[in-house]
Amino acid sequence: LSNMPVAAVASQKIVEQVPVLEVIEASARMAIQNTKTKAIGVIGTPATINSNAYARAIHLLDKEAKVFSLACPLFVPLVEEGWFDHPATRLIAQEYLKPVIAEQIDTLVLGCTHYPLLKPLLQDIMGKGVNLIDSAEAMADIAADLIDKQKIANKNNSPPEYVFYVSDVPYRFQTIGERFLGRTLGRVELVSL
């Protein structure tokens, strides 16, 4: 029991050394960098849109930006079914996106990890003049900068080993993950929290 405070301090120091990358901030920053008209759309799940997190992050960077947020709840199950360019997906996307198209946005934030798999379809519906902001690309840019700054790049040219830890349904995670990445995932391990 007497070692508990020491262990707590040691674990806190370890946690403090682990960088936390903010996906919403990264996407907001990329949206501001890409917009010319300051008219930015955000699509996401109802929980994400109701949180207003993207609009707040965008307004912290540019108070004059106009943000139009829209929940698109059917996109997640459509992606999980693999219906990236299914006629039903196209019809639903056209219907969902009417309000943001009407606002004449020039930048659309894909505010859900599933949505980038619909990127070609969404780009087709939105038109070439609209920048689509993929949160994964925004995060990759920030992670690459961090790796460069901290000089922690893998210099061995040895391939990385990927291990994915999930708290629920590893088979479903593996199936959807392979769809996202376009390759096998390797090890997926179930953990209890």
N, C-alpha and C. Protein backbone atom coordinates (compact mmCIF):
# COMPACT_ATOMS: atom_id res chain seq x y z
N LEU A 1 0.82 -1.20 0.00
CA LEU A 1 0.00 0.00 0.00
C LEU A 1 0.86 1.26 0.00
N SER A 2 2.04 1.20 0.63
CA SER A 2 2.88 2.39 0.72
C SER A 2 3.48 2.78 -0.63
N ASN A 3 3.51 1.86 -1.61
CA ASN A 3 4.06 2.16 -2.94
C ASN A 3 3.02 2.76 -3.88
N MET A 4 1.75 2.79 -3.47
CA MET A 4 0.69 3.30 -4.34
C MET A 4 0.93 4.73 -4.81
N PRO A 5 1.27 5.68 -3.92
CA PRO A 5 1.50 7.05 -4.41
C PRO A 5 2.66 7.12 -5.40
N VAL A 6 3.70 6.35 -5.18
CA VAL A 6 4.85 6.34 -6.09
C VAL A 6 4.43 5.81 -7.45
N ALA A 7 3.66 4.72 -7.44
CA ALA A 7 3.19 4.13 -8.69
C ALA A 7 2.27 5.09 -9.43
N ALA A 8 1.41 5.79 -8.69
CA ALA A 8 0.50 6.75 -9.30
C ALA A 8 1.26 7.89 -9.97
N VAL A 9 2.27 8.41 -9.30
CA VAL A 9 3.09 9.49 -9.87
C VAL A 9 3.83 8.99 -11.11
N ALA A 10 4.39 7.80 -11.04
CA ALA A 10 5.13 7.23 -12.18
C ALA A 10 4.22 7.03 -13.38
N SER A 11 3.02 6.50 -13.15
CA SER A 11 2.11 6.27 -14.28
C SER A 11 1.61 7.59 -14.85
N GLN A 12 1.43 8.61 -14.01
CA GLN A 12 1.01 9.91 -14.50
C GLN A 12 2.10 10.51 -15.39
N LYS A 13 3.37 10.34 -15.03
CA LYS A 13 4.47 10.86 -15.85
C LYS A 13 4.51 10.17 -17.21
N ILE A 14 4.23 8.87 -17.22
CA ILE A 14 4.20 8.14 -18.50
C ILE A 14 3.08 8.68 -19.37
N VAL A 15 1.89 8.87 -18.80
CA VAL A 15 0.75 9.37 -19.55
C VAL A 15 1.03 10.77 -20.08
N GLU A 16 1.69 11.61 -19.28
CA GLU A 16 2.01 12.97 -19.71
C GLU A 16 2.94 12.98 -20.92
N GLN A 17 3.73 11.93 -21.10
CA GLN A 17 4.67 11.87 -22.22
C GLN A 17 4.02 11.37 -23.50
N VAL A 18 2.82 10.83 -23.40
CA VAL A 18 2.13 10.31 -24.57
C VAL A 18 1.34 11.45 -25.21
N PRO A 19 1.66 11.80 -26.44
CA PRO A 19 0.93 12.89 -27.08
C PRO A 19 -0.50 12.48 -27.39
N VAL A 20 -1.41 13.40 -27.21
CA VAL A 20 -2.81 13.18 -27.54
C VAL A 20 -3.11 14.06 -28.75
N LEU A 21 -3.51 13.43 -29.83
CA LEU A 21 -3.83 14.15 -31.05
C LEU A 21 -5.34 14.32 -31.14
N GLU A 22 -5.77 15.53 -31.39
CA GLU A 22 -7.20 15.85 -31.41
C GLU A 22 -7.73 15.82 -32.84
N VAL A 23 -8.58 14.85 -33.14
CA VAL A 23 -9.11 14.67 -34.49
C VAL A 23 -10.00 15.84 -34.90
N ILE A 24 -10.79 16.35 -33.98
CA ILE A 24 -11.69 17.45 -34.34
C ILE A 24 -10.89 18.71 -34.63
N GLU A 25 -9.92 19.01 -33.80
CA GLU A 25 -9.06 20.18 -34.02
C GLU A 25 -8.30 20.05 -35.35
N ALA A 26 -7.78 18.86 -35.63
CA ALA A 26 -7.04 18.64 -36.88
C ALA A 26 -7.93 18.86 -38.09
N SER A 27 -9.15 18.35 -38.04
CA SER A 27 -10.08 18.51 -39.16
C SER A 27 -10.51 19.96 -39.31
N ALA A 28 -10.75 20.63 -38.20
CA ALA A 28 -11.13 22.05 -38.24
C ALA A 28 -10.01 22.88 -38.86
N ARG A 29 -8.79 22.60 -38.46
CA ARG A 29 -7.63 23.33 -39.00
C ARG A 29 -7.53 23.11 -40.52
N MET A 30 -7.69 21.86 -40.96
CA MET A 30 -7.61 21.57 -42.39
C MET A 30 -8.76 22.24 -43.15
N ALA A 31 -9.94 22.28 -42.54
CA ALA A 31 -11.08 22.94 -43.19
C ALA A 31 -10.80 24.43 -43.38
N ILE A 32 -10.29 25.09 -42.34
CA ILE A 32 -9.98 26.52 -42.42
C ILE A 32 -8.90 26.77 -43.48
N GLN A 33 -7.91 25.89 -43.55
CA GLN A 33 -6.83 26.04 -44.54
C GLN A 33 -7.35 25.88 -45.97
N ASN A 34 -8.40 25.08 -46.16
CA ASN A 34 -8.88 24.78 -47.50
C ASN A 34 -10.03 25.65 -47.99
N THR A 35 -10.78 26.27 -47.08
CA THR A 35 -11.93 27.06 -47.52
C THR A 35 -11.49 28.40 -48.11
N LYS A 36 -12.17 28.80 -49.15
CA LYS A 36 -11.93 30.13 -49.72
C LYS A 36 -13.09 31.07 -49.37
N THR A 37 -14.27 30.50 -49.17
CA THR A 37 -15.47 31.31 -48.91
C THR A 37 -15.87 31.35 -47.44
N LYS A 38 -15.20 30.56 -46.62
CA LYS A 38 -15.52 30.44 -45.18
C LYS A 38 -16.89 29.82 -44.94
N ALA A 39 -17.44 29.17 -45.96
CA ALA A 39 -18.71 28.44 -45.82
C ALA A 39 -18.35 26.96 -45.74
N ILE A 40 -18.46 26.40 -44.54
CA ILE A 40 -17.98 25.04 -44.27
C ILE A 40 -19.14 24.17 -43.79
N GLY A 41 -19.28 23.02 -44.41
CA GLY A 41 -20.26 22.04 -43.97
C GLY A 41 -19.59 20.98 -43.12
N VAL A 42 -20.33 20.42 -42.20
CA VAL A 42 -19.84 19.31 -41.37
C VAL A 42 -20.93 18.25 -41.37
N ILE A 43 -20.57 17.02 -41.75
CA ILE A 43 -21.51 15.92 -41.63
C ILE A 43 -20.96 14.91 -40.63
N GLY A 44 -21.86 14.30 -39.89
CA GLY A 44 -21.43 13.33 -38.88
C GLY A 44 -22.62 12.56 -38.33
N THR A 45 -22.35 11.77 -37.32
CA THR A 45 -23.43 11.05 -36.65
C THR A 45 -24.25 12.05 -35.84
N PRO A 46 -25.46 11.68 -35.44
CA PRO A 46 -26.25 12.61 -34.62
C PRO A 46 -25.51 13.05 -33.34
N ALA A 47 -24.83 12.13 -32.68
CA ALA A 47 -24.11 12.49 -31.44
C ALA A 47 -23.02 13.51 -31.72
N THR A 48 -22.28 13.32 -32.80
CA THR A 48 -21.21 14.26 -33.15
C THR A 48 -21.78 15.63 -33.48
N ILE A 49 -22.80 15.66 -34.30
CA ILE A 49 -23.39 16.93 -34.71
C ILE A 49 -24.03 17.63 -33.50
N ASN A 50 -24.74 16.88 -32.66
CA ASN A 50 -25.38 17.48 -31.48
C ASN A 50 -24.36 18.02 -30.48
N SER A 51 -23.17 17.48 -30.48
CA SER A 51 -22.12 17.98 -29.57
C SER A 51 -21.62 19.36 -29.99
N ASN A 52 -21.80 19.71 -31.25
CA ASN A 52 -21.36 21.00 -31.80
C ASN A 52 -19.84 21.18 -31.72
N ALA A 53 -19.12 20.08 -31.54
CA ALA A 53 -17.67 20.15 -31.35
C ALA A 53 -16.94 20.69 -32.57
N TYR A 54 -17.34 20.28 -33.77
CA TYR A 54 -16.66 20.76 -34.97
C TYR A 54 -16.90 22.25 -35.17
N ALA A 55 -18.13 22.69 -35.02
CA ALA A 55 -18.43 24.12 -35.19
C ALA A 55 -17.63 24.96 -34.20
N ARG A 56 -17.56 24.51 -32.94
CA ARG A 56 -16.77 25.25 -31.93
C ARG A 56 -15.30 25.31 -32.32
N ALA A 57 -14.76 24.17 -32.75
CA ALA A 57 -13.33 24.12 -33.12
C ALA A 57 -13.05 25.02 -34.33
N ILE A 58 -13.94 25.02 -35.30
CA ILE A 58 -13.77 25.87 -36.48
C ILE A 58 -13.84 27.34 -36.08
N HIS A 59 -14.81 27.69 -35.23
CA HIS A 59 -14.96 29.09 -34.81
C HIS A 59 -13.82 29.57 -33.93
N LEU A 60 -13.16 28.67 -33.22
CA LEU A 60 -11.96 29.06 -32.46
C LEU A 60 -10.84 29.49 -33.40
N LEU A 61 -10.80 28.88 -34.58
CA LEU A 61 -9.76 29.21 -35.56
C LEU A 61 -10.14 30.40 -36.43
N ASP A 62 -11.43 30.56 -36.69
CA ASP A 62 -11.89 31.66 -37.53
C ASP A 62 -13.33 32.00 -37.13
N LYS A 63 -13.49 33.10 -36.42
CA LYS A 63 -14.81 33.50 -35.93
C LYS A 63 -15.78 33.85 -37.06
N GLU A 64 -15.24 34.19 -38.22
CA GLU A 64 -16.10 34.59 -39.34
C GLU A 64 -16.59 33.40 -40.17
N ALA A 65 -16.07 32.22 -39.92
CA ALA A 65 -16.50 31.05 -40.69
C ALA A 65 -17.98 30.76 -40.43
N LYS A 66 -18.67 30.38 -41.50
CA LYS A 66 -20.07 29.96 -41.38
C LYS A 66 -20.07 28.44 -41.43
N VAL A 67 -20.60 27.80 -40.40
CA VAL A 67 -20.58 26.34 -40.31
C VAL A 67 -22.01 25.81 -40.39
N PHE A 68 -22.20 24.87 -41.29
CA PHE A 68 -23.50 24.23 -41.48
C PHE A 68 -23.34 22.75 -41.14
N SER A 69 -23.91 22.33 -40.02
CA SER A 69 -23.74 20.96 -39.53
C SER A 69 -24.97 20.13 -39.84
N LEU A 70 -24.73 18.87 -40.20
CA LEU A 70 -25.83 18.00 -40.61
C LEU A 70 -25.56 16.56 -40.20
N ALA A 71 -26.51 15.97 -39.48
CA ALA A 71 -26.39 14.56 -39.10
C ALA A 71 -26.79 13.68 -40.29
N CYS A 72 -26.01 12.63 -40.52
CA CYS A 72 -26.26 11.67 -41.60
C CYS A 72 -26.20 10.26 -41.01
N PRO A 73 -27.18 9.88 -40.19
CA PRO A 73 -27.10 8.63 -39.44
C PRO A 73 -27.07 7.35 -40.27
N LEU A 74 -27.62 7.37 -41.45
CA LEU A 74 -27.65 6.13 -42.25
C LEU A 74 -26.32 5.81 -42.92
N PHE A 75 -25.40 6.77 -42.96
CA PHE A 75 -24.12 6.50 -43.62
C PHE A 75 -23.32 5.39 -42.94
N VAL A 76 -23.34 5.33 -41.62
CA VAL A 76 -22.55 4.31 -40.90
C VAL A 76 -23.00 2.90 -41.26
N PRO A 77 -24.30 2.57 -41.15
CA PRO A 77 -24.69 1.21 -41.52
C PRO A 77 -24.47 0.90 -43.00
N LEU A 78 -24.61 1.89 -43.87
CA LEU A 78 -24.36 1.66 -45.30
C LEU A 78 -22.90 1.31 -45.54
N VAL A 79 -21.99 2.03 -44.88
CA VAL A 79 -20.56 1.74 -45.01
C VAL A 79 -20.26 0.36 -44.45
N GLU A 80 -20.83 0.05 -43.30
CA GLU A 80 -20.57 -1.25 -42.68
C GLU A 80 -21.10 -2.41 -43.52
N GLU A 81 -22.08 -2.14 -44.36
CA GLU A 81 -22.57 -3.16 -45.30
C GLU A 81 -21.69 -3.23 -46.55
N GLY A 82 -20.80 -2.27 -46.71
CA GLY A 82 -19.95 -2.25 -47.90
C GLY A 82 -20.63 -1.60 -49.10
N TRP A 83 -21.69 -0.86 -48.85
CA TRP A 83 -22.46 -0.23 -49.92
C TRP A 83 -21.92 1.17 -50.22
N PHE A 84 -20.69 1.24 -50.67
CA PHE A 84 -20.02 2.53 -50.89
C PHE A 84 -20.61 3.31 -52.06
N ASP A 85 -21.03 2.62 -53.11
CA ASP A 85 -21.61 3.29 -54.26
C ASP A 85 -22.86 2.55 -54.72
N HIS A 86 -23.59 2.02 -53.78
CA HIS A 86 -24.85 1.33 -54.05
C HIS A 86 -25.89 2.39 -54.44
N PRO A 87 -26.83 2.05 -55.32
CA PRO A 87 -27.87 3.03 -55.67
C PRO A 87 -28.63 3.58 -54.46
N ALA A 88 -28.87 2.75 -53.46
CA ALA A 88 -29.56 3.23 -52.25
C ALA A 88 -28.70 4.26 -51.52
N THR A 89 -27.41 4.01 -51.45
CA THR A 89 -26.49 4.94 -50.78
C THR A 89 -26.47 6.27 -51.51
N ARG A 90 -26.45 6.21 -52.83
CA ARG A 90 -26.44 7.43 -53.64
C ARG A 90 -27.72 8.25 -53.40
N LEU A 91 -28.86 7.58 -53.39
CA LEU A 91 -30.13 8.29 -53.15
C LEU A 91 -30.16 8.93 -51.77
N ILE A 92 -29.73 8.18 -50.77
CA ILE A 92 -29.71 8.70 -49.39
C ILE A 92 -28.74 9.88 -49.28
N ALA A 93 -27.57 9.75 -49.88
CA ALA A 93 -26.58 10.83 -49.82
C ALA A 93 -27.10 12.08 -50.52
N GLN A 94 -27.73 11.91 -51.68
CA GLN A 94 -28.28 13.07 -52.39
C GLN A 94 -29.32 13.79 -51.53
N GLU A 95 -30.15 13.01 -50.86
CA GLU A 95 -31.18 13.60 -49.99
C GLU A 95 -30.56 14.30 -48.78
N TYR A 96 -29.63 13.61 -48.12
CA TYR A 96 -28.97 14.19 -46.95
C TYR A 96 -28.26 15.50 -47.29
N LEU A 97 -27.56 15.52 -48.41
CA LEU A 97 -26.66 16.64 -48.71
C LEU A 97 -27.35 17.86 -49.31
N LYS A 98 -28.63 17.77 -49.64
CA LYS A 98 -29.35 18.91 -50.21
C LYS A 98 -29.19 20.19 -49.38
N PRO A 99 -29.36 20.12 -48.05
CA PRO A 99 -29.23 21.37 -47.26
C PRO A 99 -27.84 22.00 -47.31
N VAL A 100 -26.78 21.19 -47.28
CA VAL A 100 -25.44 21.80 -47.32
C VAL A 100 -25.10 22.29 -48.72
N ILE A 101 -25.62 21.62 -49.74
CA ILE A 101 -25.43 22.11 -51.11
C ILE A 101 -26.12 23.46 -51.26
N ALA A 102 -27.32 23.59 -50.69
CA ALA A 102 -28.08 24.85 -50.76
C ALA A 102 -27.34 26.00 -50.09
N GLU A 103 -26.49 25.70 -49.11
CA GLU A 103 -25.72 26.74 -48.41
C GLU A 103 -24.48 27.16 -49.18
N GLN A 104 -24.24 26.54 -50.33
CA GLN A 104 -23.10 26.86 -51.20
C GLN A 104 -21.76 26.80 -50.46
N ILE A 105 -21.58 25.73 -49.72
CA ILE A 105 -20.31 25.52 -49.02
C ILE A 105 -19.22 25.21 -50.03
N ASP A 106 -17.98 25.48 -49.66
CA ASP A 106 -16.86 25.09 -50.53
C ASP A 106 -15.98 24.03 -49.86
N THR A 107 -16.32 23.68 -48.61
CA THR A 107 -15.55 22.70 -47.85
C THR A 107 -16.52 21.88 -47.02
N LEU A 108 -16.33 20.56 -47.04
CA LEU A 108 -17.19 19.66 -46.27
C LEU A 108 -16.33 18.74 -45.42
N VAL A 109 -16.51 18.83 -44.10
CA VAL A 109 -15.78 17.98 -43.16
C VAL A 109 -16.53 16.67 -43.00
N LEU A 110 -15.83 15.56 -43.25
CA LEU A 110 -16.40 14.23 -43.05
C LEU A 110 -16.15 13.87 -41.59
N GLY A 111 -17.11 14.18 -40.74
CA GLY A 111 -16.93 14.12 -39.30
C GLY A 111 -17.21 12.77 -38.67
N CYS A 112 -16.90 11.71 -39.37
CA CYS A 112 -17.07 10.36 -38.83
C CYS A 112 -16.04 9.46 -39.52
N THR A 113 -15.48 8.54 -38.77
CA THR A 113 -14.44 7.66 -39.33
C THR A 113 -14.96 6.80 -40.48
N HIS A 114 -16.25 6.55 -40.55
CA HIS A 114 -16.81 5.73 -41.62
C HIS A 114 -16.94 6.50 -42.95
N TYR A 115 -17.15 7.80 -42.87
CA TYR A 115 -17.52 8.58 -44.04
C TYR A 115 -16.48 8.64 -45.16
N PRO A 116 -15.17 8.60 -44.86
CA PRO A 116 -14.21 8.63 -45.97
C PRO A 116 -14.37 7.49 -46.98
N LEU A 117 -14.97 6.39 -46.57
CA LEU A 117 -15.20 5.32 -47.53
C LEU A 117 -16.26 5.70 -48.56
N LEU A 118 -17.01 6.74 -48.27
CA LEU A 118 -18.00 7.26 -49.21
C LEU A 118 -17.46 8.45 -50.01
N LYS A 119 -16.20 8.75 -49.84
CA LYS A 119 -15.61 9.96 -50.41
C LYS A 119 -15.85 10.11 -51.92
N PRO A 120 -15.59 9.09 -52.75
CA PRO A 120 -15.86 9.28 -54.18
C PRO A 120 -17.32 9.62 -54.47
N LEU A 121 -18.23 8.95 -53.80
CA LEU A 121 -19.66 9.21 -53.97
C LEU A 121 -20.01 10.62 -53.51
N LEU A 122 -19.52 11.00 -52.33
CA LEU A 122 -19.80 12.33 -51.79
C LEU A 122 -19.21 13.43 -52.68
N GLN A 123 -18.00 13.19 -53.20
CA GLN A 123 -17.38 14.18 -54.09
C GLN A 123 -18.21 14.35 -55.35
N ASP A 124 -18.70 13.23 -55.88
CA ASP A 124 -19.53 13.27 -57.09
C ASP A 124 -20.80 14.09 -56.84
N ILE A 125 -21.42 13.89 -55.70
CA ILE A 125 -22.66 14.61 -55.37
C ILE A 125 -22.38 16.08 -55.07
N MET A 126 -21.32 16.36 -54.32
CA MET A 126 -21.01 17.74 -53.94
C MET A 126 -20.42 18.55 -55.09
N GLY A 127 -19.73 17.87 -56.01
CA GLY A 127 -19.10 18.56 -57.12
C GLY A 127 -17.63 18.81 -56.86
N LYS A 128 -16.88 19.00 -57.93
CA LYS A 128 -15.42 19.16 -57.85
C LYS A 128 -15.00 20.41 -57.08
N GLY A 129 -15.86 21.42 -57.02
CA GLY A 129 -15.51 22.67 -56.36
C GLY A 129 -15.56 22.62 -54.84
N VAL A 130 -15.96 21.49 -54.28
CA VAL A 130 -16.07 21.36 -52.82
C VAL A 130 -14.93 20.49 -52.31
N ASN A 131 -14.16 21.03 -51.36
CA ASN A 131 -13.08 20.27 -50.72
C ASN A 131 -13.68 19.34 -49.68
N LEU A 132 -13.33 18.06 -49.75
CA LEU A 132 -13.76 17.12 -48.71
C LEU A 132 -12.62 16.95 -47.72
N ILE A 133 -12.91 17.15 -46.45
CA ILE A 133 -11.90 17.05 -45.40
C ILE A 133 -12.06 15.70 -44.71
N ASP A 134 -11.05 14.86 -44.89
CA ASP A 134 -11.01 13.52 -44.31
C ASP A 134 -10.24 13.61 -43.00
N SER A 135 -10.90 13.29 -41.90
CA SER A 135 -10.26 13.41 -40.58
C SER A 135 -9.01 12.53 -40.47
N ALA A 136 -9.01 11.39 -41.15
CA ALA A 136 -7.83 10.51 -41.11
C ALA A 136 -6.63 11.18 -41.78
N GLU A 137 -6.86 11.87 -42.89
CA GLU A 137 -5.76 12.57 -43.56
C GLU A 137 -5.25 13.72 -42.69
N ALA A 138 -6.18 14.43 -42.06
CA ALA A 138 -5.78 15.53 -41.17
C ALA A 138 -4.93 15.01 -40.01
N MET A 139 -5.34 13.88 -39.44
CA MET A 139 -4.59 13.27 -38.33
C MET A 139 -3.24 12.75 -38.80
N ALA A 140 -3.19 12.17 -39.99
CA ALA A 140 -1.93 11.65 -40.52
C ALA A 140 -0.92 12.78 -40.69
N ASP A 141 -1.37 13.94 -41.16
CA ASP A 141 -0.47 15.09 -41.32
C ASP A 141 0.10 15.52 -39.97
N ILE A 142 -0.75 15.60 -38.96
CA ILE A 142 -0.29 16.01 -37.62
C ILE A 142 0.64 14.96 -37.03
N ALA A 143 0.30 13.69 -37.20
CA ALA A 143 1.16 12.61 -36.67
C ALA A 143 2.52 12.63 -37.36
N ALA A 144 2.54 12.85 -38.67
CA ALA A 144 3.81 12.91 -39.40
C ALA A 144 4.68 14.06 -38.90
N ASP A 145 4.06 15.22 -38.67
CA ASP A 145 4.80 16.37 -38.13
C ASP A 145 5.37 16.05 -36.75
N LEU A 146 4.58 15.41 -35.91
CA LEU A 146 5.01 15.05 -34.56
C LEU A 146 6.17 14.06 -34.60
N ILE A 147 6.08 13.08 -35.48
CA ILE A 147 7.16 12.08 -35.63
C ILE A 147 8.44 12.76 -36.08
N ASP A 148 8.33 13.71 -37.02
CA ASP A 148 9.51 14.46 -37.47
C ASP A 148 10.10 15.29 -36.34
N LYS A 149 9.26 16.04 -35.64
CA LYS A 149 9.73 16.92 -34.56
C LYS A 149 10.40 16.14 -33.44
N GLN A 150 9.83 14.99 -33.11
CA GLN A 150 10.38 14.20 -32.01
C GLN A 150 11.45 13.21 -32.48
N LYS A 151 11.70 13.21 -33.78
CA LYS A 151 12.73 12.34 -34.37
C LYS A 151 12.57 10.88 -33.92
N ILE A 152 11.35 10.38 -34.11
CA ILE A 152 11.07 9.00 -33.68
C ILE A 152 10.66 8.11 -34.86
N ALA A 153 11.01 8.53 -36.06
CA ALA A 153 10.66 7.73 -37.24
C ALA A 153 11.41 6.40 -37.23
N ASN A 154 10.80 5.38 -37.79
CA ASN A 154 11.41 4.06 -37.92
C ASN A 154 12.48 4.15 -38.99
N LYS A 155 13.73 4.11 -38.60
CA LYS A 155 14.84 4.23 -39.56
C LYS A 155 15.35 2.86 -40.01
N ASN A 156 14.83 1.79 -39.44
CA ASN A 156 15.30 0.45 -39.77
C ASN A 156 14.76 -0.07 -41.08
N ASN A 157 13.78 0.61 -41.63
CA ASN A 157 13.09 0.14 -42.83
C ASN A 157 12.47 -1.24 -42.63
N SER A 158 12.26 -1.63 -41.39
CA SER A 158 11.59 -2.90 -41.13
C SER A 158 10.09 -2.63 -41.06
N PRO A 159 9.30 -3.55 -41.58
CA PRO A 159 7.85 -3.31 -41.56
C PRO A 159 7.32 -3.30 -40.13
N PRO A 160 6.33 -2.46 -39.87
CA PRO A 160 5.77 -2.40 -38.52
C PRO A 160 4.91 -3.63 -38.24
N GLU A 161 4.75 -3.92 -36.97
CA GLU A 161 3.81 -4.97 -36.57
C GLU A 161 2.58 -4.27 -36.01
N TYR A 162 1.43 -4.58 -36.57
CA TYR A 162 0.19 -3.96 -36.12
C TYR A 162 -0.55 -4.93 -35.21
N VAL A 163 -0.97 -4.43 -34.06
CA VAL A 163 -1.83 -5.19 -33.16
C VAL A 163 -2.98 -4.26 -32.78
N PHE A 164 -4.18 -4.75 -32.95
CA PHE A 164 -5.37 -3.96 -32.65
C PHE A 164 -6.05 -4.56 -31.42
N TYR A 165 -6.34 -3.70 -30.44
CA TYR A 165 -7.00 -4.14 -29.23
C TYR A 165 -8.42 -3.57 -29.23
N VAL A 166 -9.39 -4.45 -29.09
CA VAL A 166 -10.79 -4.03 -29.12
C VAL A 166 -11.51 -4.57 -27.89
N SER A 167 -12.56 -3.87 -27.48
CA SER A 167 -13.31 -4.29 -26.30
C SER A 167 -14.58 -5.04 -26.66
N ASP A 168 -14.87 -5.16 -27.95
CA ASP A 168 -16.12 -5.81 -28.35
C ASP A 168 -16.02 -6.32 -29.79
N VAL A 169 -16.52 -7.46 -30.06
CA VAL A 169 -16.70 -8.07 -31.37
C VAL A 169 -15.47 -7.93 -32.29
N PRO A 170 -14.41 -8.66 -32.01
CA PRO A 170 -13.20 -8.56 -32.83
C PRO A 170 -13.42 -8.95 -34.29
N TYR A 171 -14.29 -9.91 -34.56
CA TYR A 171 -14.52 -10.32 -35.96
C TYR A 171 -15.12 -9.16 -36.75
N ARG A 172 -16.10 -8.48 -36.17
CA ARG A 172 -16.74 -7.35 -36.87
C ARG A 172 -15.72 -6.23 -37.10
N PHE A 173 -14.91 -5.95 -36.07
CA PHE A 173 -13.86 -4.94 -36.21
C PHE A 173 -12.91 -5.32 -37.34
N GLN A 174 -12.52 -6.58 -37.38
CA GLN A 174 -11.58 -7.04 -38.39
C GLN A 174 -12.18 -6.91 -39.79
N THR A 175 -13.43 -7.31 -39.94
CA THR A 175 -14.10 -7.23 -41.24
C THR A 175 -14.19 -5.78 -41.72
N ILE A 176 -14.65 -4.90 -40.85
CA ILE A 176 -14.80 -3.49 -41.23
C ILE A 176 -13.43 -2.84 -41.40
N GLY A 177 -12.49 -3.15 -40.52
CA GLY A 177 -11.14 -2.60 -40.62
C GLY A 177 -10.46 -2.97 -41.92
N GLU A 178 -10.62 -4.21 -42.35
CA GLU A 178 -10.02 -4.63 -43.62
C GLU A 178 -10.67 -3.92 -44.79
N ARG A 179 -11.96 -3.63 -44.67
CA ARG A 179 -12.65 -2.87 -45.70
C ARG A 179 -12.08 -1.45 -45.76
N PHE A 180 -11.85 -0.84 -44.60
CA PHE A 180 -11.30 0.51 -44.53
C PHE A 180 -9.90 0.58 -45.12
N LEU A 181 -9.04 -0.35 -44.71
CA LEU A 181 -7.62 -0.29 -45.07
C LEU A 181 -7.30 -0.97 -46.39
N GLY A 182 -8.20 -1.81 -46.87
CA GLY A 182 -7.94 -2.51 -48.12
C GLY A 182 -6.87 -3.58 -48.00
N ARG A 183 -6.67 -4.12 -46.81
CA ARG A 183 -5.68 -5.18 -46.58
C ARG A 183 -6.06 -5.92 -45.30
N THR A 184 -5.41 -7.05 -45.07
CA THR A 184 -5.68 -7.78 -43.83
C THR A 184 -5.09 -7.01 -42.65
N LEU A 185 -5.74 -7.13 -41.51
CA LEU A 185 -5.30 -6.39 -40.32
C LEU A 185 -4.21 -7.10 -39.54
N GLY A 186 -4.18 -8.40 -39.57
CA GLY A 186 -3.25 -9.11 -38.70
C GLY A 186 -3.91 -9.42 -37.38
N ARG A 187 -3.18 -9.17 -36.30
CA ARG A 187 -3.67 -9.53 -34.96
C ARG A 187 -4.73 -8.56 -34.44
N VAL A 188 -5.86 -9.11 -34.06
CA VAL A 188 -6.91 -8.35 -33.39
C VAL A 188 -7.20 -9.09 -32.10
N GLU A 189 -7.02 -8.40 -30.97
CA GLU A 189 -7.18 -9.05 -29.68
C GLU A 189 -8.30 -8.41 -28.88
N LEU A 190 -9.11 -9.26 -28.26
CA LEU A 190 -10.20 -8.81 -27.41
C LEU A 190 -9.66 -8.55 -26.00
N VAL A 191 -9.96 -7.38 -25.46
CA VAL A 191 -9.55 -7.04 -24.10
C VAL A 191 -10.79 -6.63 -23.31
N SER A 192 -10.73 -6.81 -22.01
CA SER A 192 -11.83 -6.33 -21.17
C SER A 192 -11.36 -5.09 -20.42
N LEU A 193 -12.26 -4.17 -20.29
CA LEU A 193 -11.91 -2.90 -19.63
C LEU A 193 -12.37 -2.89 -18.19
